[in-house]
């Protein structure tokens, strides 16, 4: 099967571009130009140079020996937490700001949940001398205040959003409203594999550097370029898309995606969209959406701001529907336990998002020869208040 997007912007039955008429020109302009620009030699040269000299790529592929002993297999951690700005998000924002510049856009907007995409966007706007406005739910502004301070120091305007439950969904709503008001000069840097086509495909391509490096690094370390298992967390799904991109058609590789179970999928306080969602449209894309019987979007919940989203990228919805990927719901307590475990046995403090992928390890059975690659999508600096508060409880 072909698990990539088709010419109409769909992954199987998921995807497309369901957008207000005022944005049609913006999205069509991007759709008609993104592949040509990304395939041009000058773009690839500038993008690769910035990834190397500015971001610090390639990120290491680290054999976590004590974690491997604990799980009875060979676990390699793809260290996206070591990138400049502390997460995988910078891979995408570097690419999109280069696209924006080539398309003549000077005003950049973005949405952010955990703040990592906001910081990465503010960073590249500072680098390229562009105006930057970041929409962030008021709930997330409060629980991710360190990242808010970073964005402001980088020169971005952070606009707290007070609608809904004041998290990622609501920030995205406001960013789209802004885009509708300023379609001619504004480029919307979406942070994940969500939104109208071509965004899911474009973001996946930007993040595919992760799996391209994994192939090369595994070949050097174990003599073959593929693992037995790939593990990553999913909210919108960009780090997962990057981790699996070059392995989608290799059926020797088992793909496991960890979504946010919150307080449990039966509690009404969860963000496990693949487990709980039904077919619908959110933020310009047909995908699985947490919604009630009337089709109204239900508010998600997760301890992790970056996974607190009621939709899922259409690529991942298709992978789940076709059974190419197994999807596990990891609840808050399981993620916290996994985060503290990695910290204490490997000396790596992961982001709460990445902790959900780590939490999936206990739910899988491995053989001693299995090679597992797990992407640590970000570092835990931004989540220290949550971690410390969980100890106090």
Protein backbone atom coordinates (compact mmCIF):
# COMPACT_ATOMS: atom_id res chain seq x y z
CA UNK A 1 0.00 0.00 0.00
CA UNK A 2 0.97 3.60 -0.49
CA UNK A 3 0.69 5.39 2.84
CA UNK A 4 1.69 8.80 1.50
CA UNK A 5 -0.65 11.57 0.40
CA UNK A 6 -2.28 11.31 -3.04
CA UNK A 7 -2.51 14.07 -5.65
CA UNK A 8 -5.80 15.28 -4.18
CA UNK A 9 -4.38 15.70 -0.69
CA UNK A 10 -5.84 12.56 0.88
CA UNK A 11 -4.38 9.69 2.88
CA UNK A 12 -7.00 7.05 2.10
CA UNK A 13 -10.25 8.70 3.20
CA UNK A 14 -8.53 11.28 5.42
CA UNK A 15 -7.13 14.70 4.55
CA UNK A 16 -8.21 17.25 1.94
CA UNK A 17 -8.63 21.00 2.30
CA UNK A 18 -11.87 22.20 3.90
CA UNK A 19 -11.28 25.93 4.19
CA UNK A 20 -13.07 29.28 4.06
CA UNK A 21 -13.22 30.80 0.59
CA UNK A 22 -11.04 33.73 1.70
CA UNK A 23 -8.14 31.32 2.32
CA UNK A 24 -8.53 29.39 -0.92
CA UNK A 25 -5.98 31.53 -2.77
CA UNK A 26 -3.38 31.20 0.04
CA UNK A 27 -3.72 27.43 0.28
CA UNK A 28 -3.77 26.91 -3.50
CA UNK A 29 -0.69 29.12 -3.89
CA UNK A 30 1.12 27.00 -1.31
CA UNK A 31 -0.12 23.75 -2.86
CA UNK A 32 1.08 24.81 -6.31
CA UNK A 33 4.53 25.90 -5.11
CA UNK A 34 5.70 23.92 -2.06
CA UNK A 35 7.07 20.85 -3.86
CA UNK A 36 8.78 22.87 -6.57
CA UNK A 37 10.44 25.12 -3.98
CA UNK A 38 11.40 22.26 -1.64
CA UNK A 39 12.89 20.27 -4.53
CA UNK A 40 14.99 23.19 -5.78
CA UNK A 41 18.73 22.97 -5.21
CA UNK A 42 19.02 26.39 -3.55
CA UNK A 43 16.28 25.52 -1.01
CA UNK A 44 17.78 22.13 -0.19
CA UNK A 45 21.24 23.60 0.21
CA UNK A 46 20.10 26.41 2.53
CA UNK A 47 17.77 24.10 4.51
CA UNK A 48 20.40 21.38 5.01
CA UNK A 49 23.06 23.93 5.96
CA UNK A 50 20.81 25.48 8.61
CA UNK A 51 19.87 22.07 9.98
CA UNK A 52 23.54 21.25 10.35
CA UNK A 53 25.04 24.54 11.54
CA UNK A 54 22.10 26.18 13.32
CA UNK A 55 19.96 23.30 14.62
CA UNK A 56 22.88 20.95 15.33
CA UNK A 57 21.85 17.96 13.22
CA UNK A 58 22.23 15.07 12.92
CA UNK A 59 20.71 14.41 16.33
CA UNK A 60 22.32 11.42 18.09
CA UNK A 61 20.89 7.90 18.06
CA UNK A 62 21.72 6.72 21.56
CA UNK A 63 21.74 3.12 22.79
CA UNK A 64 20.04 3.39 26.20
CA UNK A 65 21.70 0.45 27.92
CA UNK A 66 19.93 0.49 31.29
CA UNK A 67 16.52 1.09 29.67
CA UNK A 68 17.32 -1.76 27.25
CA UNK A 69 18.11 -4.10 30.15
CA UNK A 70 14.88 -3.11 31.83
CA UNK A 71 12.79 -3.84 28.72
CA UNK A 72 14.70 -6.91 27.53
CA UNK A 73 15.64 -5.59 24.09
CA UNK A 74 17.89 -3.01 22.39
CA UNK A 75 16.44 0.48 22.72
CA UNK A 76 17.89 3.38 20.77
CA UNK A 77 16.70 6.89 21.59
CA UNK A 78 16.54 9.40 18.75
CA UNK A 79 17.60 12.54 20.61
CA UNK A 80 15.48 15.33 19.12
CA UNK A 81 15.64 16.93 22.58
CA UNK A 82 19.24 17.94 21.78
CA UNK A 83 18.22 20.19 18.87
CA UNK A 84 18.47 23.97 19.16
CA UNK A 85 15.28 25.12 20.98
CA UNK A 86 14.92 21.69 22.61
CA UNK A 87 12.61 19.73 20.30
CA UNK A 88 11.93 18.45 16.79
CA UNK A 89 9.79 21.51 15.98
CA UNK A 90 12.74 23.53 14.64
CA UNK A 91 13.14 21.10 11.69
CA UNK A 92 9.75 22.24 10.41
CA UNK A 93 9.92 25.95 11.20
CA UNK A 94 13.27 26.36 9.44
CA UNK A 95 11.79 24.82 6.31
CA UNK A 96 8.54 26.78 6.41
CA UNK A 97 10.21 30.16 7.01
CA UNK A 98 12.39 29.52 3.95
CA UNK A 99 9.21 28.74 1.98
CA UNK A 100 7.51 31.89 3.28
CA UNK A 101 10.46 34.04 2.27
CA UNK A 102 10.53 32.60 -1.24
CA UNK A 103 6.77 33.24 -1.56
CA UNK A 104 7.17 36.89 -0.58
CA UNK A 105 5.45 36.69 2.83
CA UNK A 106 6.76 38.88 5.65
CA UNK A 107 4.29 38.33 8.51
CA UNK A 108 4.36 34.96 10.31
CA UNK A 109 1.66 33.52 12.56
CA UNK A 110 1.67 30.25 14.48
CA UNK A 111 -0.26 28.30 17.09
CA UNK A 112 1.36 26.48 19.97
CA UNK A 113 0.37 24.19 22.84
CA UNK A 114 3.43 23.12 24.78
CA UNK A 115 5.20 26.20 23.49
CA UNK A 116 7.95 24.34 21.63
CA UNK A 117 6.54 25.16 18.20
CA UNK A 118 6.01 28.74 19.31
CA UNK A 119 9.62 29.02 20.47
CA UNK A 120 10.86 27.40 17.25
CA UNK A 121 8.77 29.81 15.15
CA UNK A 122 9.90 32.85 17.16
CA UNK A 123 13.49 31.64 16.77
CA UNK A 124 13.41 31.43 12.97
CA UNK A 125 11.54 34.74 12.73
CA UNK A 126 14.33 36.37 14.74
CA UNK A 127 16.85 34.69 12.43
CA UNK A 128 15.07 35.88 9.27
CA UNK A 129 13.96 39.31 10.63
CA UNK A 130 10.22 38.66 10.25
CA UNK A 131 7.23 39.73 12.34
CA UNK A 132 6.00 36.86 14.54
CA UNK A 133 2.63 36.43 16.27
CA UNK A 134 2.00 33.26 18.30
CA UNK A 135 -1.45 32.20 19.50
CA UNK A 136 -1.46 30.16 22.70
CA UNK A 137 -4.31 29.06 24.95
CA UNK A 138 -4.40 30.86 28.31
CA UNK A 139 -4.25 27.47 30.09
CA UNK A 140 -1.05 26.66 28.23
CA UNK A 141 0.40 30.14 28.79
CA UNK A 142 0.16 29.46 32.51
CA UNK A 143 1.55 25.91 32.50
CA UNK A 144 4.28 26.66 29.95
CA UNK A 145 5.34 30.12 31.16
CA UNK A 146 9.07 29.51 30.56
CA UNK A 147 8.42 29.04 26.84
CA UNK A 148 6.25 32.16 26.79
CA UNK A 149 9.16 34.14 28.22
CA UNK A 150 11.48 32.68 25.57
CA UNK A 151 9.11 33.69 22.76
CA UNK A 152 8.85 37.21 24.11
CA UNK A 153 12.62 37.50 24.49
CA UNK A 154 12.96 36.39 20.85
CA UNK A 155 10.72 39.30 19.82
CA UNK A 156 7.45 37.45 19.20
CA UNK A 157 4.02 38.70 20.25
CA UNK A 158 2.25 36.01 22.29
CA UNK A 159 -1.54 36.31 22.19
CA UNK A 160 -3.30 34.34 24.97
CA UNK A 161 -6.57 32.74 23.83
CA UNK A 162 -9.48 32.60 26.29
CA UNK A 163 -12.10 30.66 24.28
CA UNK A 164 -12.96 26.99 24.82
CA UNK A 165 -10.73 25.26 27.35
CA UNK A 166 -7.96 27.68 26.35
CA UNK A 167 -5.56 25.08 24.90
CA UNK A 168 -4.16 24.04 21.50
CA UNK A 169 -7.46 23.66 19.64
CA UNK A 170 -8.50 27.17 20.63
CA UNK A 171 -5.11 28.65 19.74
CA UNK A 172 -5.42 27.08 16.29
CA UNK A 173 -8.92 28.54 15.86
CA UNK A 174 -7.60 32.03 16.57
CA UNK A 175 -4.60 31.62 14.27
CA UNK A 176 -6.93 30.64 11.42
CA UNK A 177 -9.13 33.69 12.14
CA UNK A 178 -6.04 35.89 11.94
CA UNK A 179 -5.07 34.26 8.64
CA UNK A 180 -8.55 34.98 7.24
CA UNK A 181 -8.08 38.68 8.12
CA UNK A 182 -4.57 38.97 6.60
CA UNK A 183 -4.41 36.50 3.69
CA UNK A 184 -2.16 38.53 1.39
CA UNK A 185 0.94 39.14 3.51
CA UNK A 186 0.71 36.39 6.16
CA UNK A 187 2.21 32.91 6.18
CA UNK A 188 0.76 30.47 8.72
CA UNK A 189 3.47 28.12 10.02
CA UNK A 190 1.43 25.15 11.24
CA UNK A 191 3.35 23.14 13.81
CA UNK A 192 2.12 19.63 13.10
CA UNK A 193 0.83 17.27 10.42
CA UNK A 194 -2.66 18.79 10.65
CA UNK A 195 -4.63 21.42 8.75
CA UNK A 196 -5.60 21.61 5.08
CA UNK A 197 -3.53 19.99 2.35
CA UNK A 198 -0.64 20.57 1.68
CA UNK A 199 0.28 21.19 5.34
CA UNK A 200 0.24 17.54 6.59
CA UNK A 201 2.45 16.44 3.69
CA UNK A 202 4.68 19.50 3.87
CA UNK A 203 5.32 19.17 7.61
CA UNK A 204 5.93 15.41 7.27
CA UNK A 205 8.52 16.10 4.57
CA UNK A 206 10.25 18.70 6.75
CA UNK A 207 10.38 16.25 9.66
CA UNK A 208 11.43 13.28 7.51
CA UNK A 209 15.05 14.24 8.24
CA UNK A 210 14.51 12.24 11.47
CA UNK A 211 13.94 8.88 9.75
CA UNK A 212 16.53 9.65 7.08
CA UNK A 213 19.12 10.00 9.84
CA UNK A 214 17.84 6.91 11.69
CA UNK A 215 18.43 4.81 8.56
CA UNK A 216 22.00 6.00 8.20
CA UNK A 217 22.78 5.76 11.93
CA UNK A 218 21.35 2.24 12.31
CA UNK A 219 23.32 1.04 9.29
CA UNK A 220 26.49 2.27 11.01
CA UNK A 221 25.60 0.83 14.42
CA UNK A 222 23.96 -2.55 13.68
CA UNK A 223 24.66 -3.22 10.01
CA UNK A 224 21.08 -2.78 8.79
CA UNK A 225 19.17 0.43 8.24
CA UNK A 226 15.84 -0.49 9.83
CA UNK A 227 14.67 -1.36 13.37
CA UNK A 228 12.09 -3.93 14.42
CA UNK A 229 9.99 -1.27 16.16
CA UNK A 230 9.52 2.49 15.86
CA UNK A 231 7.86 4.32 18.75
CA UNK A 232 6.70 7.93 18.90
CA UNK A 233 4.02 10.02 20.60
CA UNK A 234 1.14 11.53 18.62
CA UNK A 235 -0.96 14.63 19.17
CA UNK A 236 -1.07 16.28 15.77
CA UNK A 237 1.73 13.89 14.88
CA UNK A 238 4.75 15.70 13.39
CA UNK A 239 7.53 13.96 15.33
CA UNK A 240 5.87 10.61 14.65
CA UNK A 241 5.53 11.45 10.94
CA UNK A 242 9.22 12.28 10.79
CA UNK A 243 10.20 9.12 12.68
CA UNK A 244 8.26 6.75 10.40
CA UNK A 245 8.37 8.60 7.05
CA UNK A 246 11.05 6.53 5.32
CA UNK A 247 9.81 3.25 6.84
CA UNK A 248 6.12 3.34 5.92
CA UNK A 249 6.51 0.83 3.09
CA UNK A 250 8.88 -1.47 5.01
CA UNK A 251 6.61 -4.10 6.54
CA UNK A 252 9.50 -5.48 8.61
CA UNK A 253 9.16 -2.39 10.81
CA UNK A 254 6.36 -2.34 13.38
CA UNK A 255 5.04 1.16 14.09
CA UNK A 256 3.66 1.98 17.54
CA UNK A 257 2.08 5.38 18.23
CA UNK A 258 1.35 6.58 21.76
CA UNK A 259 -1.50 9.03 22.23
CA UNK A 260 -2.58 10.83 25.38
CA UNK A 261 -5.01 8.79 27.46
CA UNK A 262 -5.36 11.58 30.03
CA UNK A 263 -7.08 10.26 33.13
CA UNK A 264 -8.29 7.23 31.14
CA UNK A 265 -10.21 6.79 27.89
CA UNK A 266 -13.45 6.01 29.79
CA UNK A 267 -13.30 9.04 32.10
CA UNK A 268 -14.31 11.83 29.72
CA UNK A 269 -10.90 13.42 30.40
CA UNK A 270 -8.73 12.13 27.59
CA UNK A 271 -7.06 13.20 24.34
CA UNK A 272 -6.96 9.69 22.81
CA UNK A 273 -8.38 10.80 19.46
CA UNK A 274 -7.67 7.60 17.53
CA UNK A 275 -9.37 5.52 20.24
CA UNK A 276 -12.31 7.89 20.79
CA UNK A 277 -12.65 9.94 17.60
CA UNK A 278 -15.13 9.72 14.76
CA UNK A 279 -14.78 10.93 11.17
CA UNK A 280 -15.16 14.69 10.99
CA UNK A 281 -13.50 17.92 9.90
CA UNK A 282 -11.23 20.00 12.11
CA UNK A 283 -9.00 22.92 11.13
CA UNK A 284 -9.39 22.28 7.41
CA UNK A 285 -8.83 18.51 7.33
CA UNK A 286 -11.10 15.44 7.31
CA UNK A 287 -9.81 13.14 10.03
CA UNK A 288 -10.72 11.48 13.32
CA UNK A 289 -12.15 14.04 15.73
CA UNK A 290 -13.36 13.81 19.32
CA UNK A 291 -16.99 14.90 18.97
CA UNK A 292 -20.43 14.34 20.45
CA UNK A 293 -23.49 12.89 18.72
CA UNK A 294 -24.31 16.30 17.25
CA UNK A 295 -20.85 16.64 15.71
CA UNK A 296 -19.70 19.28 18.21
CA UNK A 297 -16.02 18.99 19.10
CA UNK A 298 -15.44 17.68 22.61
CA UNK A 299 -12.77 19.24 24.77
CA UNK A 300 -9.71 16.99 25.13
CA UNK A 301 -7.63 16.64 28.26
CA UNK A 302 -4.01 15.64 28.80
CA UNK A 303 -1.34 16.48 31.34
CA UNK A 304 0.77 17.21 28.25
CA UNK A 305 0.04 20.53 26.54
CA UNK A 306 1.46 19.30 23.24
CA UNK A 307 -0.88 16.27 23.02
CA UNK A 308 -4.00 18.11 24.24
CA UNK A 309 -5.74 18.16 20.82
CA UNK A 310 -9.12 16.70 19.76
CA UNK A 311 -7.92 15.71 16.27
CA UNK A 312 -5.10 13.74 14.70
CA UNK A 313 -3.08 14.20 11.52
CA UNK A 314 -4.71 12.48 8.50
CA UNK A 315 -1.55 10.44 7.87
CA UNK A 316 -1.87 8.84 11.30
CA UNK A 317 -5.63 8.37 11.04
CA UNK A 318 -5.01 6.39 7.85
CA UNK A 319 -2.18 4.35 9.40
CA UNK A 320 -4.51 3.39 12.26
CA UNK A 321 -7.44 2.60 9.94
CA UNK A 322 -5.29 0.38 7.70
CA UNK A 323 -3.65 -1.27 10.74
CA UNK A 324 -0.19 -0.15 9.57
CA UNK A 325 0.35 1.37 13.00
CA UNK A 326 -0.66 0.12 16.43
CA UNK A 327 -1.97 2.90 18.67
CA UNK A 328 -1.80 2.81 22.47
CA UNK A 329 -3.43 5.26 24.87
CA UNK A 330 -1.00 6.17 27.66
CA UNK A 331 -2.54 7.90 30.65
CA UNK A 332 -1.06 10.73 32.69
CA UNK A 333 0.27 8.53 35.49
CA UNK A 334 1.91 6.10 33.08
CA UNK A 335 3.63 8.98 31.26
CA UNK A 336 4.86 10.53 34.52
CA UNK A 337 6.20 7.17 35.72
CA UNK A 338 8.03 6.65 32.42
CA UNK A 339 9.51 10.17 32.54
CA UNK A 340 10.91 9.72 36.05
CA UNK A 341 12.21 6.28 35.13
CA UNK A 342 14.19 7.56 32.13
CA UNK A 343 15.51 10.46 34.19
CA UNK A 344 16.79 8.20 36.95
CA UNK A 345 18.28 5.39 34.87
CA UNK A 346 19.59 7.31 31.85
CA UNK A 347 19.99 10.89 33.09
CA UNK A 348 17.64 12.24 30.40
CA UNK A 349 14.64 14.36 31.38
CA UNK A 350 12.12 13.99 28.54
CA UNK A 351 9.27 16.29 27.59
CA UNK A 352 5.88 15.09 28.80
CA UNK A 353 4.93 14.42 25.19
CA UNK A 354 7.89 12.06 24.72
CA UNK A 355 7.09 10.43 28.07
CA UNK A 356 3.93 8.99 26.49
CA UNK A 357 6.05 7.11 23.95
CA UNK A 358 8.25 5.88 26.79
CA UNK A 359 5.12 4.78 28.65
CA UNK A 360 4.23 2.48 25.75
CA UNK A 361 7.33 0.33 26.36
CA UNK A 362 5.71 -1.45 29.32
CA UNK A 363 2.73 -2.45 27.16
CA UNK A 364 4.79 -4.24 24.52
CA UNK A 365 6.56 -7.60 24.58
CA UNK A 366 10.01 -7.67 23.02
CA UNK A 367 12.50 -10.41 22.26
CA UNK A 368 16.15 -9.95 23.34
CA UNK A 369 17.27 -9.38 19.74
CA UNK A 370 14.66 -6.73 18.91
CA UNK A 371 15.94 -3.30 17.92
CA UNK A 372 13.61 -0.52 19.05
CA UNK A 373 13.98 3.15 18.07
CA UNK A 374 12.03 5.59 20.21
CA UNK A 375 11.99 9.30 19.43
CA UNK A 376 12.53 11.62 22.40
CA UNK A 377 10.79 14.52 20.68
CA UNK A 378 11.73 17.18 23.23
CA UNK A 379 13.40 17.89 26.54
CA UNK A 380 11.60 18.32 29.83
CA UNK A 381 12.74 21.82 30.84
CA UNK A 382 9.32 23.26 29.99
CA UNK A 383 7.54 20.63 32.11
CA UNK A 384 9.49 20.98 35.33
CA UNK A 385 6.61 22.60 37.24
CA UNK A 386 4.33 19.70 36.30
CA UNK A 387 6.94 17.12 37.26
CA UNK A 388 7.69 18.75 40.61
CA UNK A 389 4.00 19.21 41.41
CA UNK A 390 3.37 15.52 40.69
CA UNK A 391 6.02 14.61 43.31
CA UNK A 392 4.35 16.84 45.88
CA UNK A 393 1.05 15.06 45.34
